Every structure is written in structure tokens, then in C-alpha cells.
Amino acid sequence: MLASVLSLGTATGSYAETRWEMPTPYGDGTHQTQVARGFAEEVSEKSGGKLTINVHSGGSLIKHPEIHRAVKTRQVQIGEVFIGRLGNINPIYKLDNIPFLATDFDSAEKLYQASKPALSKALEKENLILLYTSPWPAQDLYSNKAVNSLADLSGLKMRSYSPTTSRLADLMGTTPVNIPFSDVAQAFTTNAIDAMVTSPSTGVNSQSWDYISNFTTIHAWIPKNMVFANKKMFDRLDADTQQVILTAAANAEKTAGHWAVNWL
């Protein structure tokens, strides 16, 4: 019902304006959200205002764990999620979270291009359409003690944010603790976690130097977010507007890739 109401829009000139709501998990300071806003602006401009995409950052409309379901059930028309979070739905979503499989952007891009057809097919089975992906910088280790070997991690509480990171924490001899990005600082301050593997951009955005004493470069993997839309909602658009979305999505993917590369 919500999606139907939101997508009706209002009559403007000779066409009916369509509005899409786009929840994203991350704050306005992250490159992921900045790319999403650029994507939305291009769609509005190039469609001549026929389609407006309202970006809701920081989980303000729908929390991260619920975004996938919200798009699938047409509560909203489009959304962004961290791909690895969906690993329990289909193994393909775990691929870019495999430690030390693709640790630089050249190999990560090859992995993405090889897996993209399977990724798109997995989404199609859920009546979703892949629009673009946005990589994070390579994942590094943050901890509240110096780490010179794997043994130094034994017994620590490690932040997890996907099935793969939970399994990795187990294999490293640490205890996985599911902590959302927004709660990382508090979790370290209250000793709910002692370590995490995440990107340097996440560390900067959360001002990790205020509550973490050690940083170790490991370039463990290069994960991605993905932006996808409900296929039925996409199919309701005219062909020209559909093409505007696909072109803007391709541009967003290029922008996101260039931004992430600059972190290395």
C-alpha cells in the first residue's frame, strides 16, 4: 500500500510525476550515500522530473536489516544494502566477503564482473533488479591491543556484520558480536567489542582514533554495497525513464569505484 501511494505522485504538466523512496544504511558523510544522492539527482534531471528518488540516509526510513525485504515487498521501490549481509539467502552474496580472495581493486573488479550475472540472477528470483554496486576500500584490522600474530586475537570480541565475518571471527579464535556501524564507537567504549575488520573510510567516518588504539593494514577483502529496485515498480515506468535509471546507475558505479580506489 505504501509503495502504491508513494509511486502515484502528482500531476505535473503533461505527465504524472513518480516518486521513489530509497533507504540507505549509512550517513551523509559516507561515499556510499554521496554516490546515491548523485544517482538520484541525475535521474531527476535526466528524466525531466518525471521520476524523483528521495534518498533517506542513515537508516532513517528503514533500518539496514529490513531494507532488502522492504524493496522485495514493495514497501519502498529501491534500496541499498551491504551485499554480504544477505549471505544466508544465497551464497553468491558472500563472494566479495571471502578473506584474501580479492585484495586489490583489479582482482576485485574481475571477481565482480565474473560473478555479476549470477548476482543479477539471484536478485531476479526475488523480483529485484540490480542497478549498481559501490565498493568499499579494502578491509583492515582495528583493535585495542597490538596484533603481531593471529594468536594475539585469541579471546577477543570481534565485531561482525555479515555471515562471513561471523565465521571469520570464529576461525580467528574470537567471539563474533553483531554490531551495526552506528553503534561501533559505543561498543568499543563499553568493551562490547575489542576488534573489528572494516574499511579505512568507516574508521574515518566514525573517528575511530578516539576509541581504538591500534590499526593494522591487512587489505583482507573489498566488499560492496548494491542498489536494487523492485522489478514490478521498474517495469511500470516508461522505456525512456527506465533507460535514464540504467544510465545513471552505470555512472554511479563508475563514480563509486573511482572514489574507493583513492583510499589505497
C-alpha atoms as a PDB file:
ATOM      1  CA  MET A   1       0.000   0.000   0.000  1.00  0.00           C
ATOM      2  CA  LEU A   2       2.780   2.440   0.969  1.00  0.00           C
ATOM      3  CA  ALA A   3       4.635   1.859  -2.300  1.00  0.00           C
ATOM      4  CA  SER A   4       1.442   2.328  -4.315  1.00  0.00           C
ATOM      5  CA  VAL A   5       0.706   5.635  -2.638  1.00  0.00           C
ATOM      6  CA  LEU A   6       4.282   6.867  -2.916  1.00  0.00           C
ATOM      7  CA  SER A   7       4.567   5.920  -6.578  1.00  0.00           C
ATOM      8  CA  LEU A   8       1.391   7.684  -7.725  1.00  0.00           C
ATOM      9  CA  GLY A   9       2.857  11.155  -7.383  1.00  0.00           C
ATOM     10  CA  THR A  10       1.041  14.253  -8.557  1.00  0.00           C
ATOM     11  CA  ALA A  11       0.068  15.535 -11.962  1.00  0.00           C
ATOM     12  CA  THR A  12       2.663  17.936 -13.333  1.00  0.00           C
ATOM     13  CA  GLY A  13       2.217  19.413 -16.773  1.00  0.00           C
ATOM     14  CA  SER A  14       1.524  16.690 -19.321  1.00  0.00           C
ATOM     15  CA  TYR A  15       2.819  13.789 -17.223  1.00  0.00           C
ATOM     16  CA  ALA A  16       2.361  12.280 -13.789  1.00  0.00           C
ATOM     17  CA  GLU A  17       5.386  12.702 -11.573  1.00  0.00           C
ATOM     18  CA  THR A  18       6.553   9.494  -9.931  1.00  0.00           C
ATOM     19  CA  ARG A  19       8.321   9.425  -6.572  1.00  0.00           C
ATOM     20  CA  TRP A  20      10.510   6.602  -5.328  1.00  0.00           C
ATOM     21  CA  GLU A  21      11.746   6.266  -1.761  1.00  0.00           C
ATOM     22  CA  MET A  22      15.322   4.984  -1.330  1.00  0.00           C
ATOM     23  CA  PRO A  23      16.502   3.933   2.145  1.00  0.00           C
ATOM     24  CA  THR A  24      20.253   3.648   2.681  1.00  0.00           C
ATOM     25  CA  PRO A  25      22.028   2.401   5.830  1.00  0.00           C
ATOM     26  CA  TYR A  26      24.858   4.922   6.017  1.00  0.00           C
ATOM     27  CA  GLY A  27      25.142   8.576   6.995  1.00  0.00           C
ATOM     28  CA  ASP A  28      25.557  11.534   4.679  1.00  0.00           C
ATOM     29  CA  GLY A  29      29.312  11.626   5.244  1.00  0.00           C
ATOM     30  CA  THR A  30      29.966   8.262   3.595  1.00  0.00           C
ATOM     31  CA  HIS A  31      30.865   7.983  -0.061  1.00  0.00           C
ATOM     32  CA  GLN A  32      28.119   5.379  -0.487  1.00  0.00           C
ATOM     33  CA  THR A  33      25.409   7.880   0.406  1.00  0.00           C
ATOM     34  CA  GLN A  34      27.032  10.650  -1.605  1.00  0.00           C
ATOM     35  CA  VAL A  35      27.037   8.378  -4.665  1.00  0.00           C
ATOM     36  CA  ALA A  36      23.383   7.504  -4.012  1.00  0.00           C
ATOM     37  CA  ARG A  37      22.441  11.174  -3.878  1.00  0.00           C
ATOM     38  CA  GLY A  38      24.318  11.839  -7.106  1.00  0.00           C
ATOM     39  CA  PHE A  39      22.484   8.943  -8.735  1.00  0.00           C
ATOM     40  CA  ALA A  40      19.122  10.303  -7.562  1.00  0.00           C
ATOM     41  CA  GLU A  41      19.924  13.812  -8.786  1.00  0.00           C
ATOM     42  CA  GLU A  42      20.904  12.527 -12.228  1.00  0.00           C
ATOM     43  CA  VAL A  43      17.687  10.518 -12.529  1.00  0.00           C
ATOM     44  CA  SER A  44      15.569  13.535 -11.639  1.00  0.00           C
ATOM     45  CA  GLU A  45      17.447  15.830 -14.022  1.00  0.00           C
ATOM     46  CA  LYS A  46      17.656  13.465 -16.997  1.00  0.00           C
ATOM     47  CA  SER A  47      14.044  12.331 -16.657  1.00  0.00           C
ATOM     48  CA  GLY A  48      12.899  15.918 -16.739  1.00  0.00           C
ATOM     49  CA  GLY A  49      11.391  15.488 -13.302  1.00  0.00           C
ATOM     50  CA  LYS A  50       9.228  12.546 -14.281  1.00  0.00           C
ATOM     51  CA  LEU A  51      10.923  10.431 -11.597  1.00  0.00           C
ATOM     52  CA  THR A  52      12.155  11.746  -8.257  1.00  0.00           C
ATOM     53  CA  ILE A  53      14.157   9.470  -5.951  1.00  0.00           C
ATOM     54  CA  ASN A  54      14.178  10.543  -2.309  1.00  0.00           C
ATOM     55  CA  VAL A  55      17.299   9.225  -0.536  1.00  0.00           C
ATOM     56  CA  HIS A  56      16.786   8.509   3.172  1.00  0.00           C
ATOM     57  CA  SER A  57      20.253   8.147   4.722  1.00  0.00           C
ATOM     58  CA  GLY A  58      21.450   6.622   7.962  1.00  0.00           C
ATOM     59  CA  GLY A  59      18.637   4.102   8.278  1.00  0.00           C
ATOM     60  CA  SER A  60      16.224   6.981   8.939  1.00  0.00           C
ATOM     61  CA  LEU A  61      13.367   5.434   6.946  1.00  0.00           C
ATOM     62  CA  ILE A  62      14.125   1.715   7.218  1.00  0.00           C
ATOM     63  CA  LYS A  63      16.904   0.059   9.202  1.00  0.00           C
ATOM     64  CA  HIS A  64      19.629  -1.834   7.344  1.00  0.00           C
ATOM     65  CA  PRO A  65      18.434  -5.386   8.179  1.00  0.00           C
ATOM     66  CA  GLU A  66      14.966  -4.604   6.778  1.00  0.00           C
ATOM     67  CA  ILE A  67      15.831  -2.771   3.544  1.00  0.00           C
ATOM     68  CA  HIS A  68      16.069  -5.886   1.373  1.00  0.00           C
ATOM     69  CA  ARG A  69      12.660  -7.128   2.483  1.00  0.00           C
ATOM     70  CA  ALA A  70      11.143  -3.649   2.156  1.00  0.00           C
ATOM     71  CA  VAL A  71      12.118  -3.415  -1.511  1.00  0.00           C
ATOM     72  CA  LYS A  72      11.098  -7.008  -2.186  1.00  0.00           C
ATOM     73  CA  THR A  73       7.617  -6.449  -0.717  1.00  0.00           C
ATOM     74  CA  ARG A  74       7.229  -3.036  -2.402  1.00  0.00           C
ATOM     75  CA  GLN A  75       7.132  -1.114   0.837  1.00  0.00           C
ATOM     76  CA  VAL A  76       9.680   1.046  -0.975  1.00  0.00           C
ATOM     77  CA  GLN A  77      10.737   0.943  -4.600  1.00  0.00           C
ATOM     78  CA  ILE A  78      14.539   0.998  -4.319  1.00  0.00           C
ATOM     79  CA  GLY A  79      17.172   0.484  -1.654  1.00  0.00           C
ATOM     80  CA  GLU A  80      20.842  -0.029  -0.819  1.00  0.00           C
ATOM     81  CA  VAL A  81      22.360  -2.808   1.282  1.00  0.00           C
ATOM     82  CA  PHE A  82      25.748  -4.275   2.080  1.00  0.00           C
ATOM     83  CA  ILE A  83      25.804  -7.357  -0.151  1.00  0.00           C
ATOM     84  CA  GLY A  84      27.417  -9.664   2.394  1.00  0.00           C
ATOM     85  CA  ARG A  85      24.512  -9.199   4.825  1.00  0.00           C
ATOM     86  CA  LEU A  86      22.380 -11.364   2.513  1.00  0.00           C
ATOM     87  CA  GLY A  87      24.790 -14.307   2.563  1.00  0.00           C
ATOM     88  CA  ASN A  88      22.313 -16.613   4.275  1.00  0.00           C
ATOM     89  CA  ILE A  89      19.827 -16.115   1.405  1.00  0.00           C
ATOM     90  CA  ASN A  90      22.179 -17.112  -1.407  1.00  0.00           C
ATOM     91  CA  PRO A  91      25.919 -17.997  -1.359  1.00  0.00           C
ATOM     92  CA  ILE A  92      26.599 -15.573  -4.223  1.00  0.00           C
ATOM     93  CA  TYR A  93      26.116 -12.714  -1.770  1.00  0.00           C
ATOM     94  CA  LYS A  94      29.108 -13.965   0.250  1.00  0.00           C
ATOM     95  CA  LEU A  95      31.554 -13.907  -2.623  1.00  0.00           C
ATOM     96  CA  ASP A  96      33.165 -10.488  -2.183  1.00  0.00           C
ATOM     97  CA  ASN A  97      33.493 -11.087   1.578  1.00  0.00           C
ATOM     98  CA  ILE A  98      35.804 -14.089   1.252  1.00  0.00           C
ATOM     99  CA  PRO A  99      39.045 -13.156   3.050  1.00  0.00           C
ATOM    100  CA  PHE A 100      42.139 -12.722   0.880  1.00  0.00           C
ATOM    101  CA  LEU A 101      40.429 -13.840  -2.334  1.00  0.00           C
ATOM    102  CA  ALA A 102      40.471 -10.393  -3.964  1.00  0.00           C
ATOM    103  CA  THR A 103      42.572  -7.888  -2.033  1.00  0.00           C
ATOM    104  CA  ASP A 104      43.175  -5.177  -4.637  1.00  0.00           C
ATOM    105  CA  PHE A 105      40.772  -3.350  -6.929  1.00  0.00           C
ATOM    106  CA  ASP A 106      41.927  -5.040 -10.125  1.00  0.00           C
ATOM    107  CA  SER A 107      41.201  -8.507  -8.776  1.00  0.00           C
ATOM    108  CA  ALA A 108      38.028  -7.290  -7.042  1.00  0.00           C
ATOM    109  CA  GLU A 109      36.740  -5.878 -10.334  1.00  0.00           C
ATOM    110  CA  LYS A 110      37.483  -9.147 -12.131  1.00  0.00           C
ATOM    111  CA  LEU A 111      35.659 -11.052  -9.393  1.00  0.00           C
ATOM    112  CA  TYR A 112      32.671  -8.717  -9.687  1.00  0.00           C
ATOM    113  CA  GLN A 113      32.448  -8.975 -13.468  1.00  0.00           C
ATOM    114  CA  ALA A 114      32.712 -12.774 -13.294  1.00  0.00           C
ATOM    115  CA  SER A 115      30.003 -13.002 -10.637  1.00  0.00           C
ATOM    116  CA  LYS A 116      27.692 -10.204 -11.824  1.00  0.00           C
ATOM    117  CA  PRO A 117      25.448 -12.459 -13.972  1.00  0.00           C
ATOM    118  CA  ALA A 118      24.896 -14.798 -11.024  1.00  0.00           C
ATOM    119  CA  LEU A 119      24.318 -11.850  -8.696  1.00  0.00           C
ATOM    120  CA  SER A 120      21.721 -10.384 -11.061  1.00  0.00           C
ATOM    121  CA  LYS A 121      20.058 -13.769 -11.461  1.00  0.00           C
ATOM    122  CA  ALA A 122      19.795 -14.217  -7.689  1.00  0.00           C
ATOM    123  CA  LEU A 123      18.062 -10.856  -7.413  1.00  0.00           C
ATOM    124  CA  GLU A 124      15.759 -11.629 -10.343  1.00  0.00           C
ATOM    125  CA  LYS A 125      14.482 -14.674  -8.474  1.00  0.00           C
ATOM    126  CA  GLU A 126      13.259 -12.249  -5.814  1.00  0.00           C
ATOM    127  CA  ASN A 127      11.706  -9.920  -8.403  1.00  0.00           C
ATOM    128  CA  LEU A 128      14.522  -7.404  -7.934  1.00  0.00           C
ATOM    129  CA  ILE A 129      16.749  -5.700 -10.492  1.00  0.00           C
ATOM    130  CA  LEU A 130      20.402  -4.858  -9.832  1.00  0.00           C
ATOM    131  CA  LEU A 131      21.173  -1.227 -10.659  1.00  0.00           C
ATOM    132  CA  TYR A 132      24.718  -0.639  -9.416  1.00  0.00           C
ATOM    133  CA  THR A 133      27.302  -1.687  -6.864  1.00  0.00           C
ATOM    134  CA  SER A 134      29.569   0.505  -4.774  1.00  0.00           C
ATOM    135  CA  PRO A 135      32.829  -0.909  -3.365  1.00  0.00           C
ATOM    136  CA  TRP A 136      34.337  -0.145   0.000  1.00  0.00           C
ATOM    137  CA  PRO A 137      38.080   0.326   0.404  1.00  0.00           C
ATOM    138  CA  ALA A 138      39.995  -2.811   1.373  1.00  0.00           C
ATOM    139  CA  GLN A 139      39.194  -4.025   4.891  1.00  0.00           C
ATOM    140  CA  ASP A 140      41.776  -3.529   7.633  1.00  0.00           C
ATOM    141  CA  LEU A 141      42.067  -4.511  11.293  1.00  0.00           C
ATOM    142  CA  TYR A 142      41.219  -2.209  14.200  1.00  0.00           C
ATOM    143  CA  SER A 143      41.920  -3.407  17.742  1.00  0.00           C
ATOM    144  CA  ASN A 144      42.511  -2.262  21.292  1.00  0.00           C
ATOM    145  CA  LYS A 145      45.747  -4.240  21.563  1.00  0.00           C
ATOM    146  CA  ALA A 146      48.758  -4.644  19.310  1.00  0.00           C
ATOM    147  CA  VAL A 147      48.396  -7.548  16.871  1.00  0.00           C
ATOM    148  CA  ASN A 148      51.570  -9.166  15.586  1.00  0.00           C
ATOM    149  CA  SER A 149      50.177 -12.655  15.003  1.00  0.00           C
ATOM    150  CA  LEU A 150      46.860 -14.469  14.890  1.00  0.00           C
ATOM    151  CA  ALA A 151      47.434 -15.648  18.449  1.00  0.00           C
ATOM    152  CA  ASP A 152      47.174 -12.034  19.659  1.00  0.00           C
ATOM    153  CA  LEU A 153      43.496 -12.031  18.673  1.00  0.00           C
ATOM    154  CA  SER A 154      42.569 -15.114  20.661  1.00  0.00           C
ATOM    155  CA  GLY A 155      39.751 -14.466  23.119  1.00  0.00           C
ATOM    156  CA  LEU A 156      38.863 -11.004  21.834  1.00  0.00           C
ATOM    157  CA  LYS A 157      35.320  -9.936  20.954  1.00  0.00           C
ATOM    158  CA  MET A 158      35.211  -9.180  17.221  1.00  0.00           C
ATOM    159  CA  ARG A 159      32.574  -7.068  15.502  1.00  0.00           C
ATOM    160  CA  SER A 160      30.660  -8.983  12.817  1.00  0.00           C
ATOM    161  CA  TYR A 161      28.322  -7.552  10.190  1.00  0.00           C
ATOM    162  CA  SER A 162      27.634 -10.498   7.877  1.00  0.00           C
ATOM    163  CA  PRO A 163      27.586 -14.319   7.953  1.00  0.00           C
ATOM    164  CA  THR A 164      31.111 -14.370   6.529  1.00  0.00           C
ATOM    165  CA  THR A 165      32.566 -12.028   9.145  1.00  0.00           C
ATOM    166  CA  SER A 166      30.902 -14.072  11.888  1.00  0.00           C
ATOM    167  CA  ARG A 167      32.508 -17.231  10.528  1.00  0.00           C
ATOM    168  CA  LEU A 168      35.852 -15.458  10.204  1.00  0.00           C
ATOM    169  CA  ALA A 169      35.679 -14.366  13.827  1.00  0.00           C
ATOM    170  CA  ASP A 170      35.112 -17.990  14.855  1.00  0.00           C
ATOM    171  CA  LEU A 171      38.081 -19.190  12.818  1.00  0.00           C
ATOM    172  CA  MET A 172      40.302 -16.471  14.294  1.00  0.00           C
ATOM    173  CA  GLY A 173      39.561 -17.629  17.825  1.00  0.00           C
ATOM    174  CA  THR A 174      37.486 -14.542  18.626  1.00  0.00           C
ATOM    175  CA  THR A 175      33.854 -14.148  19.640  1.00  0.00           C
ATOM    176  CA  PRO A 176      31.644 -12.587  16.922  1.00  0.00           C
ATOM    177  CA  VAL A 177      29.383  -9.765  18.079  1.00  0.00           C
ATOM    178  CA  ASN A 178      26.851  -8.325  15.630  1.00  0.00           C
ATOM    179  CA  ILE A 179      27.217  -4.560  15.883  1.00  0.00           C
ATOM    180  CA  PRO A 180      25.764  -2.068  13.361  1.00  0.00           C
ATOM    181  CA  PHE A 181      28.019   0.685  12.065  1.00  0.00           C
ATOM    182  CA  SER A 182      26.123   3.345  14.023  1.00  0.00           C
ATOM    183  CA  ASP A 183      26.943   1.619  17.336  1.00  0.00           C
ATOM    184  CA  VAL A 184      30.639   0.888  16.770  1.00  0.00           C
ATOM    185  CA  ALA A 185      32.019   3.739  18.885  1.00  0.00           C
ATOM    186  CA  GLN A 186      29.806   2.891  21.852  1.00  0.00           C
ATOM    187  CA  ALA A 187      30.581  -0.815  21.527  1.00  0.00           C
ATOM    188  CA  PHE A 188      34.323  -0.172  21.785  1.00  0.00           C
ATOM    189  CA  THR A 189      33.893   2.332  24.616  1.00  0.00           C
ATOM    190  CA  THR A 190      31.801  -0.105  26.666  1.00  0.00           C
ATOM    191  CA  ASN A 191      34.069  -3.082  25.835  1.00  0.00           C
ATOM    192  CA  ALA A 192      31.270  -4.858  23.965  1.00  0.00           C
ATOM    193  CA  ILE A 193      33.880  -5.450  21.241  1.00  0.00           C
ATOM    194  CA  ASP A 194      37.674  -5.359  21.214  1.00  0.00           C
ATOM    195  CA  ALA A 195      38.396  -5.509  17.498  1.00  0.00           C
ATOM    196  CA  MET A 196      36.866  -5.200  14.043  1.00  0.00           C
ATOM    197  CA  VAL A 197      37.773  -5.647  10.403  1.00  0.00           C
ATOM    198  CA  THR A 198      36.411  -2.762   8.370  1.00  0.00           C
ATOM    199  CA  SER A 199      37.362  -0.165   5.787  1.00  0.00           C
ATOM    200  CA  PRO A 200      39.516   2.906   6.458  1.00  0.00           C
ATOM    201  CA  SER A 201      36.616   5.085   5.321  1.00  0.00           C
ATOM    202  CA  THR A 202      34.462   3.571   8.068  1.00  0.00           C
ATOM    203  CA  GLY A 203      37.257   4.249  10.533  1.00  0.00           C
ATOM    204  CA  VAL A 204      37.485   7.873   9.470  1.00  0.00           C
ATOM    205  CA  ASN A 205      33.720   8.437   9.453  1.00  0.00           C
ATOM    206  CA  SER A 206      33.412   7.012  12.965  1.00  0.00           C
ATOM    207  CA  GLN A 207      36.543   8.877  14.198  1.00  0.00           C
ATOM    208  CA  SER A 208      38.000   5.570  15.354  1.00  0.00           C
ATOM    209  CA  TRP A 209      41.147   7.201  16.763  1.00  0.00           C
ATOM    210  CA  ASP A 210      39.028   8.399  19.681  1.00  0.00           C
ATOM    211  CA  TYR A 211      38.335   4.884  20.962  1.00  0.00           C
ATOM    212  CA  ILE A 212      40.714   2.435  19.223  1.00  0.00           C
ATOM    213  CA  SER A 213      44.428   2.286  19.935  1.00  0.00           C
ATOM    214  CA  ASN A 214      45.757   0.048  17.127  1.00  0.00           C
ATOM    215  CA  PHE A 215      45.341  -0.112  13.353  1.00  0.00           C
ATOM    216  CA  THR A 216      46.831  -2.918  11.241  1.00  0.00           C
ATOM    217  CA  THR A 217      46.813  -2.847   7.439  1.00  0.00           C
ATOM    218  CA  ILE A 218      45.759  -6.264   6.128  1.00  0.00           C
ATOM    219  CA  HIS A 219      43.670  -5.480   2.996  1.00  0.00           C
ATOM    220  CA  ALA A 220      41.618  -8.570   3.726  1.00  0.00           C
ATOM    221  CA  TRP A 221      38.884  -8.130   1.091  1.00  0.00           C
ATOM    222  CA  ILE A 222      36.982  -5.474  -0.833  1.00  0.00           C
ATOM    223  CA  PRO A 223      33.249  -5.763  -0.173  1.00  0.00           C
ATOM    224  CA  LYS A 224      30.478  -3.881  -1.938  1.00  0.00           C
ATOM    225  CA  ASN A 225      27.087  -2.377  -1.405  1.00  0.00           C
ATOM    226  CA  MET A 226      24.422  -2.851  -4.045  1.00  0.00           C
ATOM    227  CA  VAL A 227      21.484  -0.714  -5.081  1.00  0.00           C
ATOM    228  CA  PHE A 228      18.492  -2.584  -6.448  1.00  0.00           C
ATOM    229  CA  ALA A 229      14.879  -1.842  -7.322  1.00  0.00           C
ATOM    230  CA  ASN A 230      11.666  -3.791  -7.254  1.00  0.00           C
ATOM    231  CA  LYS A 231      11.248  -5.173 -10.789  1.00  0.00           C
ATOM    232  CA  LYS A 232       7.483  -4.613 -10.909  1.00  0.00           C
ATOM    233  CA  MET A 233       7.918  -0.969  -9.950  1.00  0.00           C
ATOM    234  CA  PHE A 234      10.688  -0.583 -12.529  1.00  0.00           C
ATOM    235  CA  ASP A 235       8.529  -2.164 -15.232  1.00  0.00           C
ATOM    236  CA  ARG A 236       5.747   0.364 -14.586  1.00  0.00           C
ATOM    237  CA  LEU A 237       7.992   3.170 -15.812  1.00  0.00           C
ATOM    238  CA  ASP A 238       8.098   4.188 -19.464  1.00  0.00           C
ATOM    239  CA  ALA A 239      11.035   2.977 -21.533  1.00  0.00           C
ATOM    240  CA  ASP A 240      12.776   6.374 -21.575  1.00  0.00           C
ATOM    241  CA  THR A 241      12.709   6.662 -17.782  1.00  0.00           C
ATOM    242  CA  GLN A 242      13.954   3.116 -17.402  1.00  0.00           C
ATOM    243  CA  GLN A 243      16.921   3.972 -19.601  1.00  0.00           C
ATOM    244  CA  VAL A 244      17.616   7.113 -17.577  1.00  0.00           C
ATOM    245  CA  ILE A 245      17.833   4.950 -14.430  1.00  0.00           C
ATOM    246  CA  LEU A 246      20.144   2.413 -16.050  1.00  0.00           C
ATOM    247  CA  THR A 247      22.451   5.128 -17.416  1.00  0.00           C
ATOM    248  CA  ALA A 248      22.563   6.943 -14.067  1.00  0.00           C
ATOM    249  CA  ALA A 249      23.273   3.624 -12.347  1.00  0.00           C
ATOM    250  CA  ALA A 250      26.203   2.908 -14.679  1.00  0.00           C
ATOM    251  CA  ASN A 251      27.595   6.387 -13.956  1.00  0.00           C
ATOM    252  CA  ALA A 252      27.131   5.877 -10.207  1.00  0.00           C
ATOM    253  CA  GLU A 253      29.042   2.590 -10.333  1.00  0.00           C
ATOM    254  CA  LYS A 254      31.972   4.307 -12.063  1.00  0.00           C
ATOM    255  CA  THR A 255      31.963   7.163  -9.548  1.00  0.00           C
ATOM    256  CA  ALA A 256      31.849   4.775  -6.597  1.00  0.00           C
ATOM    257  CA  GLY A 257      34.739   2.730  -7.956  1.00  0.00           C
ATOM    258  CA  HIS A 258      36.931   5.783  -8.541  1.00  0.00           C
ATOM    259  CA  TRP A 259      36.242   7.064  -5.034  1.00  0.00           C
ATOM    260  CA  ALA A 260      37.088   3.777  -3.328  1.00  0.00           C
ATOM    261  CA  VAL A 261      40.340   3.331  -5.288  1.00  0.00           C
ATOM    262  CA  ASN A 262      41.594   6.681  -3.967  1.00  0.00           C
ATOM    263  CA  TRP A 263      41.661   5.295  -0.441  1.00  0.00           C
ATOM    264  CA  LEU A 264      44.553   2.943  -1.249  1.00  0.00           C
END
